[in-house]
Amino acid sequence: MTALITLYNDVFDRFDRASDILVPTLARLVFIAIFLVYYWNSAMLKIDGSIFSPSAGAFGQMFPKAAEAVLYDISKITFFQRIVIFFGTVAEFALPALLLVGLLTRVTALGMIGFTWVQTLVDVNGHNIPFGGLFDNAITLADQRVMWTFLFLVIAIKGAGPLSLDRLLRLR
């Protein structure tokens, strides 16, 4: 029995050591596979020729009730709304790109968590998407966003992994 326990411990000790490489690398790979194009497409909808000229899509996505009230007329965007759209669009381009290359990965993952929950607030309050709940035997917005947050927490805690600019810069 002791030999079996020793074998078990030896095998899973190797898994533990390998997890420092596998977990952050796979977490970033999952992000790239699922979210990179999602965020890129969403950001592209927000620009109208340049990052400095927001589109009606950006107005409608980020301030749906205000956009609807003025029939999506871009000229009616307030200064505050213009600033929020600009920085939100920059974040939607920059944060996924930084995660892709693994640069400033932990801070970027925390930024993605914040971005996810701001997006959730807009979805619930602006687009009237029901939030739902956890442990209710239904896949809801709450479940989805908690999973996204967990993925980003793994990256924030474990870092970028060995295939990243963070690792390359650390070696220097």
N, C-alpha and C. Protein backbone atom coordinates (compact mmCIF):
# COMPACT_ATOMS: atom_id res chain seq x y z
N MET A 1 0.83 -1.20 0.00
CA MET A 1 0.00 0.00 0.00
C MET A 1 0.87 1.26 0.00
N THR A 2 1.97 1.20 0.74
CA THR A 2 2.89 2.34 0.79
C THR A 2 3.46 2.63 -0.60
N ALA A 3 3.79 1.60 -1.34
CA ALA A 3 4.33 1.78 -2.68
C ALA A 3 3.30 2.46 -3.59
N LEU A 4 2.04 2.11 -3.45
CA LEU A 4 0.97 2.71 -4.25
C LEU A 4 0.81 4.19 -3.91
N ILE A 5 0.86 4.51 -2.64
CA ILE A 5 0.75 5.91 -2.21
C ILE A 5 1.95 6.71 -2.70
N THR A 6 3.13 6.12 -2.63
CA THR A 6 4.34 6.79 -3.11
C THR A 6 4.25 7.03 -4.62
N LEU A 7 3.80 6.04 -5.36
CA LEU A 7 3.63 6.20 -6.80
C LEU A 7 2.63 7.31 -7.11
N TYR A 8 1.52 7.28 -6.41
CA TYR A 8 0.50 8.32 -6.58
C TYR A 8 1.10 9.70 -6.32
N ASN A 9 1.80 9.87 -5.22
CA ASN A 9 2.41 11.16 -4.86
C ASN A 9 3.45 11.58 -5.90
N ASP A 10 4.27 10.65 -6.38
CA ASP A 10 5.28 10.98 -7.38
C ASP A 10 4.64 11.46 -8.68
N VAL A 11 3.61 10.77 -9.12
CA VAL A 11 2.94 11.15 -10.37
C VAL A 11 2.32 12.54 -10.23
N PHE A 12 1.60 12.78 -9.16
CA PHE A 12 0.90 14.05 -9.04
C PHE A 12 1.80 15.19 -8.60
N ASP A 13 2.96 14.89 -8.03
CA ASP A 13 3.96 15.93 -7.81
C ASP A 13 4.47 16.46 -9.14
N ARG A 14 4.61 15.55 -10.11
CA ARG A 14 5.02 15.99 -11.46
C ARG A 14 3.94 16.86 -12.10
N PHE A 15 2.68 16.48 -11.90
CA PHE A 15 1.58 17.32 -12.40
C PHE A 15 1.62 18.71 -11.76
N ASP A 16 1.89 18.75 -10.46
CA ASP A 16 1.96 20.04 -9.77
C ASP A 16 3.06 20.91 -10.36
N ARG A 17 4.23 20.32 -10.59
CA ARG A 17 5.34 21.09 -11.17
C ARG A 17 5.00 21.53 -12.60
N ALA A 18 4.38 20.67 -13.37
CA ALA A 18 4.02 21.00 -14.75
C ALA A 18 2.91 22.05 -14.80
N SER A 19 2.11 22.14 -13.76
CA SER A 19 0.99 23.09 -13.77
C SER A 19 1.47 24.54 -13.82
N ASP A 20 2.66 24.81 -13.33
CA ASP A 20 3.18 26.18 -13.41
C ASP A 20 3.40 26.61 -14.85
N ILE A 21 3.61 25.65 -15.72
CA ILE A 21 3.78 25.94 -17.14
C ILE A 21 2.44 25.79 -17.87
N LEU A 22 1.74 24.70 -17.59
CA LEU A 22 0.53 24.39 -18.34
C LEU A 22 -0.65 25.30 -18.03
N VAL A 23 -0.91 25.57 -16.77
CA VAL A 23 -2.12 26.33 -16.42
C VAL A 23 -2.12 27.73 -17.02
N PRO A 24 -1.08 28.55 -16.83
CA PRO A 24 -1.15 29.88 -17.43
C PRO A 24 -1.13 29.85 -18.96
N THR A 25 -0.39 28.92 -19.53
CA THR A 25 -0.33 28.82 -20.98
C THR A 25 -1.68 28.41 -21.55
N LEU A 26 -2.31 27.42 -20.94
CA LEU A 26 -3.63 26.98 -21.41
C LEU A 26 -4.70 28.04 -21.16
N ALA A 27 -4.61 28.76 -20.06
CA ALA A 27 -5.58 29.83 -19.78
C ALA A 27 -5.50 30.91 -20.86
N ARG A 28 -4.28 31.30 -21.24
CA ARG A 28 -4.13 32.29 -22.31
C ARG A 28 -4.60 31.72 -23.64
N LEU A 29 -4.33 30.45 -23.88
CA LEU A 29 -4.79 29.81 -25.12
C LEU A 29 -6.32 29.79 -25.19
N VAL A 30 -6.96 29.47 -24.08
CA VAL A 30 -8.42 29.50 -24.03
C VAL A 30 -8.93 30.92 -24.29
N PHE A 31 -8.28 31.91 -23.68
CA PHE A 31 -8.67 33.30 -23.93
C PHE A 31 -8.57 33.62 -25.42
N ILE A 32 -7.44 33.26 -26.02
CA ILE A 32 -7.22 33.56 -27.44
C ILE A 32 -8.27 32.86 -28.30
N ALA A 33 -8.54 31.60 -28.01
CA ALA A 33 -9.48 30.82 -28.81
C ALA A 33 -10.91 31.35 -28.70
N ILE A 34 -11.29 31.82 -27.52
CA ILE A 34 -12.69 32.19 -27.29
C ILE A 34 -12.93 33.69 -27.39
N PHE A 35 -12.04 34.49 -26.82
CA PHE A 35 -12.35 35.91 -26.64
C PHE A 35 -11.63 36.88 -27.56
N LEU A 36 -10.50 36.51 -28.12
CA LEU A 36 -9.72 37.48 -28.90
C LEU A 36 -10.54 38.04 -30.05
N VAL A 37 -11.11 37.20 -30.89
CA VAL A 37 -11.90 37.67 -32.03
C VAL A 37 -13.18 38.34 -31.55
N TYR A 38 -13.78 37.83 -30.49
CA TYR A 38 -14.99 38.44 -29.92
C TYR A 38 -14.74 39.91 -29.56
N TYR A 39 -13.65 40.16 -28.81
CA TYR A 39 -13.36 41.53 -28.42
C TYR A 39 -12.89 42.38 -29.60
N TRP A 40 -12.12 41.80 -30.49
CA TRP A 40 -11.65 42.54 -31.66
C TRP A 40 -12.85 42.99 -32.50
N ASN A 41 -13.79 42.08 -32.78
CA ASN A 41 -14.98 42.44 -33.56
C ASN A 41 -15.81 43.49 -32.86
N SER A 42 -15.96 43.35 -31.55
CA SER A 42 -16.72 44.34 -30.79
C SER A 42 -16.06 45.72 -30.86
N ALA A 43 -14.74 45.75 -30.75
CA ALA A 43 -14.02 47.03 -30.84
C ALA A 43 -14.16 47.64 -32.23
N MET A 44 -14.10 46.80 -33.26
CA MET A 44 -14.20 47.31 -34.64
C MET A 44 -15.57 47.95 -34.90
N LEU A 45 -16.61 47.46 -34.22
CA LEU A 45 -17.93 48.05 -34.37
C LEU A 45 -18.02 49.45 -33.76
N LYS A 46 -17.08 49.75 -32.89
CA LYS A 46 -17.14 51.02 -32.16
C LYS A 46 -16.44 52.17 -32.87
N ILE A 47 -15.71 51.90 -33.93
CA ILE A 47 -14.99 52.98 -34.61
C ILE A 47 -15.61 53.24 -35.98
N ASP A 48 -15.51 54.47 -36.38
CA ASP A 48 -16.05 54.88 -37.68
C ASP A 48 -14.92 55.57 -38.44
N GLY A 49 -14.01 54.78 -38.96
CA GLY A 49 -12.89 55.34 -39.70
C GLY A 49 -11.64 55.52 -38.85
N SER A 50 -11.79 55.94 -37.62
CA SER A 50 -10.64 56.09 -36.72
C SER A 50 -11.10 55.90 -35.29
N ILE A 51 -10.14 55.68 -34.43
CA ILE A 51 -10.45 55.45 -33.01
C ILE A 51 -11.05 56.71 -32.37
N PHE A 52 -10.81 57.86 -33.00
CA PHE A 52 -11.28 59.12 -32.45
C PHE A 52 -12.69 59.50 -32.90
N SER A 53 -13.25 58.71 -33.82
CA SER A 53 -14.62 59.01 -34.26
C SER A 53 -15.51 57.79 -33.97
N PRO A 54 -16.27 57.87 -32.88
CA PRO A 54 -17.11 56.73 -32.49
C PRO A 54 -18.24 56.52 -33.48
N SER A 55 -18.66 55.29 -33.59
CA SER A 55 -19.75 54.94 -34.49
C SER A 55 -21.07 54.93 -33.73
N ALA A 56 -22.15 54.86 -34.49
CA ALA A 56 -23.47 54.71 -33.87
C ALA A 56 -23.53 53.39 -33.11
N GLY A 57 -22.79 52.38 -33.60
CA GLY A 57 -22.73 51.10 -32.91
C GLY A 57 -22.12 51.22 -31.52
N ALA A 58 -21.08 52.04 -31.41
CA ALA A 58 -20.46 52.26 -30.10
C ALA A 58 -21.43 52.95 -29.16
N PHE A 59 -22.10 53.97 -29.68
CA PHE A 59 -23.08 54.70 -28.88
C PHE A 59 -24.17 53.76 -28.41
N GLY A 60 -24.67 52.93 -29.33
CA GLY A 60 -25.74 51.99 -29.00
C GLY A 60 -25.30 50.87 -28.07
N GLN A 61 -24.06 50.40 -28.21
CA GLN A 61 -23.56 49.33 -27.35
C GLN A 61 -23.30 49.82 -25.93
N MET A 62 -22.71 50.99 -25.81
CA MET A 62 -22.25 51.45 -24.50
C MET A 62 -23.28 52.31 -23.75
N PHE A 63 -24.10 53.01 -24.50
CA PHE A 63 -25.14 53.85 -23.89
C PHE A 63 -26.47 53.60 -24.62
N PRO A 64 -27.00 52.39 -24.50
CA PRO A 64 -28.15 52.02 -25.33
C PRO A 64 -29.38 52.89 -25.13
N LYS A 65 -29.70 53.23 -23.90
CA LYS A 65 -30.90 54.02 -23.66
C LYS A 65 -30.72 55.45 -24.15
N ALA A 66 -29.53 56.03 -23.93
CA ALA A 66 -29.26 57.38 -24.41
C ALA A 66 -29.24 57.42 -25.93
N ALA A 67 -28.66 56.41 -26.56
CA ALA A 67 -28.60 56.36 -28.02
C ALA A 67 -30.00 56.23 -28.63
N GLU A 68 -30.80 55.39 -28.02
CA GLU A 68 -32.16 55.21 -28.52
C GLU A 68 -32.98 56.49 -28.36
N ALA A 69 -32.75 57.21 -27.28
CA ALA A 69 -33.51 58.45 -27.02
C ALA A 69 -33.25 59.51 -28.08
N VAL A 70 -32.04 59.49 -28.68
CA VAL A 70 -31.71 60.48 -29.72
C VAL A 70 -31.63 59.83 -31.10
N LEU A 71 -32.25 58.65 -31.24
CA LEU A 71 -32.30 57.91 -32.50
C LEU A 71 -30.91 57.65 -33.09
N TYR A 72 -29.97 57.32 -32.20
CA TYR A 72 -28.59 56.94 -32.57
C TYR A 72 -27.86 58.04 -33.34
N ASP A 73 -28.24 59.29 -33.09
CA ASP A 73 -27.59 60.43 -33.75
C ASP A 73 -26.26 60.71 -33.04
N ILE A 74 -25.16 60.44 -33.74
CA ILE A 74 -23.82 60.58 -33.17
C ILE A 74 -23.55 62.02 -32.73
N SER A 75 -24.13 62.98 -33.39
CA SER A 75 -23.86 64.38 -33.03
C SER A 75 -24.41 64.72 -31.64
N LYS A 76 -25.24 63.87 -31.09
CA LYS A 76 -25.83 64.11 -29.77
C LYS A 76 -25.01 63.49 -28.62
N ILE A 77 -23.90 62.86 -28.94
CA ILE A 77 -23.06 62.25 -27.90
C ILE A 77 -22.47 63.34 -27.04
N THR A 78 -22.58 63.17 -25.72
CA THR A 78 -22.01 64.15 -24.80
C THR A 78 -20.49 63.95 -24.70
N PHE A 79 -19.82 64.93 -24.14
CA PHE A 79 -18.37 64.83 -23.96
C PHE A 79 -18.02 63.62 -23.10
N PHE A 80 -18.76 63.42 -22.00
CA PHE A 80 -18.52 62.27 -21.13
C PHE A 80 -18.68 60.96 -21.89
N GLN A 81 -19.75 60.85 -22.66
CA GLN A 81 -19.99 59.62 -23.43
C GLN A 81 -18.88 59.40 -24.46
N ARG A 82 -18.42 60.47 -25.08
CA ARG A 82 -17.34 60.37 -26.06
C ARG A 82 -16.06 59.84 -25.41
N ILE A 83 -15.75 60.34 -24.21
CA ILE A 83 -14.55 59.90 -23.48
C ILE A 83 -14.68 58.42 -23.09
N VAL A 84 -15.84 58.04 -22.57
CA VAL A 84 -16.07 56.64 -22.18
C VAL A 84 -15.96 55.72 -23.39
N ILE A 85 -16.55 56.11 -24.50
CA ILE A 85 -16.47 55.30 -25.72
C ILE A 85 -15.02 55.19 -26.18
N PHE A 86 -14.28 56.29 -26.15
CA PHE A 86 -12.88 56.26 -26.58
C PHE A 86 -12.07 55.29 -25.72
N PHE A 87 -12.12 55.47 -24.39
CA PHE A 87 -11.31 54.62 -23.52
C PHE A 87 -11.80 53.17 -23.51
N GLY A 88 -13.11 52.97 -23.63
CA GLY A 88 -13.63 51.61 -23.71
C GLY A 88 -13.16 50.91 -24.98
N THR A 89 -13.13 51.65 -26.09
CA THR A 89 -12.66 51.08 -27.35
C THR A 89 -11.17 50.79 -27.30
N VAL A 90 -10.40 51.71 -26.75
CA VAL A 90 -8.96 51.47 -26.60
C VAL A 90 -8.72 50.23 -25.73
N ALA A 91 -9.47 50.12 -24.64
CA ALA A 91 -9.33 48.95 -23.76
C ALA A 91 -9.70 47.67 -24.50
N GLU A 92 -10.72 47.74 -25.34
CA GLU A 92 -11.17 46.55 -26.05
C GLU A 92 -10.17 46.10 -27.11
N PHE A 93 -9.37 47.01 -27.61
CA PHE A 93 -8.27 46.64 -28.51
C PHE A 93 -7.02 46.23 -27.72
N ALA A 94 -6.65 47.05 -26.74
CA ALA A 94 -5.35 46.89 -26.08
C ALA A 94 -5.30 45.69 -25.12
N LEU A 95 -6.31 45.52 -24.27
CA LEU A 95 -6.25 44.46 -23.27
C LEU A 95 -6.14 43.06 -23.91
N PRO A 96 -6.97 42.72 -24.88
CA PRO A 96 -6.80 41.41 -25.52
C PRO A 96 -5.46 41.27 -26.24
N ALA A 97 -4.98 42.35 -26.87
CA ALA A 97 -3.68 42.29 -27.56
C ALA A 97 -2.56 42.02 -26.56
N LEU A 98 -2.62 42.67 -25.40
CA LEU A 98 -1.60 42.44 -24.37
C LEU A 98 -1.66 41.01 -23.84
N LEU A 99 -2.86 40.47 -23.67
CA LEU A 99 -2.97 39.07 -23.24
C LEU A 99 -2.46 38.12 -24.32
N LEU A 100 -2.70 38.45 -25.57
CA LEU A 100 -2.24 37.62 -26.67
C LEU A 100 -0.72 37.44 -26.63
N VAL A 101 0.00 38.55 -26.46
CA VAL A 101 1.47 38.48 -26.48
C VAL A 101 2.04 38.21 -25.10
N GLY A 102 1.20 38.28 -24.06
CA GLY A 102 1.68 38.01 -22.71
C GLY A 102 2.51 39.13 -22.15
N LEU A 103 2.08 40.36 -22.33
CA LEU A 103 2.80 41.52 -21.81
C LEU A 103 1.94 42.21 -20.75
N LEU A 104 2.54 42.46 -19.59
CA LEU A 104 1.81 43.05 -18.45
C LEU A 104 0.57 42.20 -18.15
N THR A 105 0.76 40.92 -18.20
CA THR A 105 -0.35 39.98 -18.23
C THR A 105 -1.22 40.02 -16.98
N ARG A 106 -0.61 40.08 -15.82
CA ARG A 106 -1.40 40.03 -14.59
C ARG A 106 -2.28 41.27 -14.45
N VAL A 107 -1.70 42.43 -14.71
CA VAL A 107 -2.47 43.68 -14.63
C VAL A 107 -3.54 43.70 -15.72
N THR A 108 -3.18 43.22 -16.89
CA THR A 108 -4.13 43.17 -18.00
C THR A 108 -5.31 42.26 -17.67
N ALA A 109 -5.04 41.12 -17.06
CA ALA A 109 -6.12 40.21 -16.68
C ALA A 109 -7.05 40.86 -15.66
N LEU A 110 -6.47 41.61 -14.72
CA LEU A 110 -7.32 42.35 -13.77
C LEU A 110 -8.15 43.41 -14.50
N GLY A 111 -7.55 44.06 -15.49
CA GLY A 111 -8.30 45.02 -16.32
C GLY A 111 -9.44 44.35 -17.06
N MET A 112 -9.21 43.14 -17.54
CA MET A 112 -10.26 42.40 -18.24
C MET A 112 -11.40 42.03 -17.28
N ILE A 113 -11.06 41.75 -16.03
CA ILE A 113 -12.12 41.48 -15.04
C ILE A 113 -12.98 42.72 -14.87
N GLY A 114 -12.35 43.87 -14.70
CA GLY A 114 -13.11 45.12 -14.58
C GLY A 114 -13.94 45.37 -15.83
N PHE A 115 -13.34 45.18 -16.99
CA PHE A 115 -14.03 45.38 -18.26
C PHE A 115 -15.25 44.47 -18.36
N THR A 116 -15.07 43.21 -17.96
CA THR A 116 -16.16 42.23 -18.01
C THR A 116 -17.34 42.68 -17.16
N TRP A 117 -17.08 43.19 -15.97
CA TRP A 117 -18.18 43.56 -15.08
C TRP A 117 -18.81 44.88 -15.46
N VAL A 118 -18.05 45.80 -16.07
CA VAL A 118 -18.67 47.01 -16.63
C VAL A 118 -19.57 46.62 -17.79
N GLN A 119 -19.08 45.72 -18.63
CA GLN A 119 -19.87 45.21 -19.74
C GLN A 119 -21.15 44.54 -19.23
N THR A 120 -21.04 43.82 -18.14
CA THR A 120 -22.20 43.15 -17.55
C THR A 120 -23.22 44.17 -17.05
N LEU A 121 -22.75 45.22 -16.39
CA LEU A 121 -23.65 46.27 -15.92
C LEU A 121 -24.40 46.91 -17.09
N VAL A 122 -23.70 47.17 -18.18
CA VAL A 122 -24.35 47.75 -19.36
C VAL A 122 -25.36 46.76 -19.94
N ASP A 123 -24.99 45.49 -20.00
CA ASP A 123 -25.90 44.48 -20.54
C ASP A 123 -27.19 44.39 -19.71
N VAL A 124 -27.04 44.41 -18.40
CA VAL A 124 -28.20 44.26 -17.51
C VAL A 124 -29.02 45.54 -17.47
N ASN A 125 -28.37 46.68 -17.24
CA ASN A 125 -29.10 47.93 -17.06
C ASN A 125 -29.45 48.63 -18.36
N GLY A 126 -28.61 48.49 -19.38
CA GLY A 126 -28.86 49.19 -20.64
C GLY A 126 -29.59 48.36 -21.67
N HIS A 127 -29.22 47.09 -21.78
CA HIS A 127 -29.83 46.22 -22.79
C HIS A 127 -30.91 45.31 -22.21
N ASN A 128 -31.15 45.43 -20.91
CA ASN A 128 -32.18 44.65 -20.22
C ASN A 128 -32.02 43.13 -20.36
N ILE A 129 -30.77 42.67 -20.37
CA ILE A 129 -30.50 41.23 -20.39
C ILE A 129 -30.61 40.74 -18.95
N PRO A 130 -31.42 39.73 -18.71
CA PRO A 130 -31.55 39.25 -17.33
C PRO A 130 -30.24 38.67 -16.82
N PHE A 131 -29.91 39.00 -15.59
CA PHE A 131 -28.64 38.56 -15.01
C PHE A 131 -28.69 37.10 -14.60
N GLY A 132 -29.83 36.67 -14.09
CA GLY A 132 -29.95 35.29 -13.64
C GLY A 132 -29.24 35.08 -12.32
N GLY A 133 -28.94 33.85 -12.03
CA GLY A 133 -28.28 33.56 -10.78
C GLY A 133 -27.42 32.32 -10.89
N LEU A 134 -26.62 32.13 -9.89
CA LEU A 134 -25.78 30.95 -9.82
C LEU A 134 -26.55 29.81 -9.17
N PHE A 135 -26.16 28.60 -9.43
CA PHE A 135 -26.74 27.41 -8.80
C PHE A 135 -28.25 27.27 -9.07
N ASP A 136 -28.71 27.74 -10.24
CA ASP A 136 -30.15 27.68 -10.52
C ASP A 136 -30.50 26.72 -11.67
N ASN A 137 -29.55 25.87 -12.07
CA ASN A 137 -29.78 24.87 -13.10
C ASN A 137 -30.12 25.48 -14.45
N ALA A 138 -29.60 26.68 -14.72
CA ALA A 138 -29.78 27.33 -16.01
C ALA A 138 -28.51 28.12 -16.32
N ILE A 139 -28.11 28.15 -17.58
CA ILE A 139 -26.95 28.94 -17.97
C ILE A 139 -27.43 30.37 -18.17
N THR A 140 -26.95 31.26 -17.32
CA THR A 140 -27.39 32.65 -17.35
C THR A 140 -26.19 33.57 -17.57
N LEU A 141 -26.47 34.85 -17.70
CA LEU A 141 -25.40 35.84 -17.82
C LEU A 141 -24.48 35.78 -16.60
N ALA A 142 -25.05 35.57 -15.44
CA ALA A 142 -24.25 35.47 -14.22
C ALA A 142 -23.25 34.33 -14.34
N ASP A 143 -23.71 33.16 -14.78
CA ASP A 143 -22.82 32.01 -14.94
C ASP A 143 -21.70 32.31 -15.94
N GLN A 144 -22.09 32.89 -17.05
CA GLN A 144 -21.13 33.20 -18.11
C GLN A 144 -20.06 34.16 -17.60
N ARG A 145 -20.46 35.22 -16.96
CA ARG A 145 -19.49 36.23 -16.54
C ARG A 145 -18.64 35.76 -15.37
N VAL A 146 -19.17 34.89 -14.53
CA VAL A 146 -18.35 34.31 -13.46
C VAL A 146 -17.28 33.40 -14.07
N MET A 147 -17.62 32.65 -15.11
CA MET A 147 -16.62 31.82 -15.79
C MET A 147 -15.54 32.69 -16.44
N TRP A 148 -15.94 33.79 -17.07
CA TRP A 148 -14.96 34.69 -17.68
C TRP A 148 -14.03 35.22 -16.59
N THR A 149 -14.62 35.63 -15.48
CA THR A 149 -13.84 36.18 -14.38
C THR A 149 -12.86 35.14 -13.85
N PHE A 150 -13.31 33.91 -13.73
CA PHE A 150 -12.42 32.85 -13.25
C PHE A 150 -11.23 32.67 -14.18
N LEU A 151 -11.48 32.66 -15.49
CA LEU A 151 -10.39 32.54 -16.45
C LEU A 151 -9.39 33.67 -16.26
N PHE A 152 -9.89 34.90 -16.14
CA PHE A 152 -8.99 36.04 -15.97
C PHE A 152 -8.28 36.00 -14.62
N LEU A 153 -8.94 35.47 -13.59
CA LEU A 153 -8.28 35.33 -12.28
C LEU A 153 -7.13 34.32 -12.35
N VAL A 154 -7.32 33.24 -13.08
CA VAL A 154 -6.25 32.26 -13.26
C VAL A 154 -5.04 32.95 -13.89
N ILE A 155 -5.27 33.74 -14.92
CA ILE A 155 -4.18 34.44 -15.59
C ILE A 155 -3.56 35.47 -14.65
N ALA A 156 -4.38 36.19 -13.90
CA ALA A 156 -3.85 37.20 -12.97
C ALA A 156 -3.01 36.55 -11.87
N ILE A 157 -3.41 35.40 -11.41
CA ILE A 157 -2.69 34.73 -10.32
C ILE A 157 -1.45 33.99 -10.83
N LYS A 158 -1.59 33.25 -11.92
CA LYS A 158 -0.50 32.41 -12.41
C LYS A 158 0.44 33.14 -13.37
N GLY A 159 0.02 34.26 -13.93
CA GLY A 159 0.87 34.98 -14.88
C GLY A 159 0.65 34.48 -16.29
N ALA A 160 1.59 34.84 -17.16
CA ALA A 160 1.44 34.57 -18.59
C ALA A 160 1.93 33.21 -19.01
N GLY A 161 2.79 32.62 -18.23
CA GLY A 161 3.38 31.34 -18.63
C GLY A 161 4.67 31.57 -19.40
N PRO A 162 5.30 30.48 -19.84
CA PRO A 162 6.63 30.59 -20.45
C PRO A 162 6.64 31.19 -21.85
N LEU A 163 5.53 31.09 -22.58
CA LEU A 163 5.47 31.62 -23.94
C LEU A 163 4.87 33.02 -23.92
N SER A 164 5.65 33.98 -23.42
CA SER A 164 5.11 35.33 -23.26
C SER A 164 6.24 36.36 -23.27
N LEU A 165 5.87 37.58 -23.55
CA LEU A 165 6.84 38.67 -23.45
C LEU A 165 7.20 38.93 -22.01
N ASP A 166 6.28 38.71 -21.09
CA ASP A 166 6.60 38.87 -19.67
C ASP A 166 7.78 37.97 -19.29
N ARG A 167 7.76 36.72 -19.71
CA ARG A 167 8.84 35.78 -19.38
C ARG A 167 10.13 36.21 -20.06
N LEU A 168 10.01 36.63 -21.32
CA LEU A 168 11.20 37.09 -22.06
C LEU A 168 11.84 38.29 -21.37
N LEU A 169 11.03 39.23 -20.93
CA LEU A 169 11.56 40.41 -20.23
C LEU A 169 12.14 40.05 -18.87
N ARG A 170 11.56 39.07 -18.21
CA ARG A 170 12.07 38.63 -16.91
C ARG A 170 13.45 37.99 -17.07
N LEU A 171 13.66 37.28 -18.16
CA LEU A 171 14.96 36.63 -18.40
C LEU A 171 16.07 37.64 -18.62
N ARG A 172 15.74 38.81 -19.12
CA ARG A 172 16.74 39.84 -19.34
C ARG A 172 17.07 40.44 -18.02
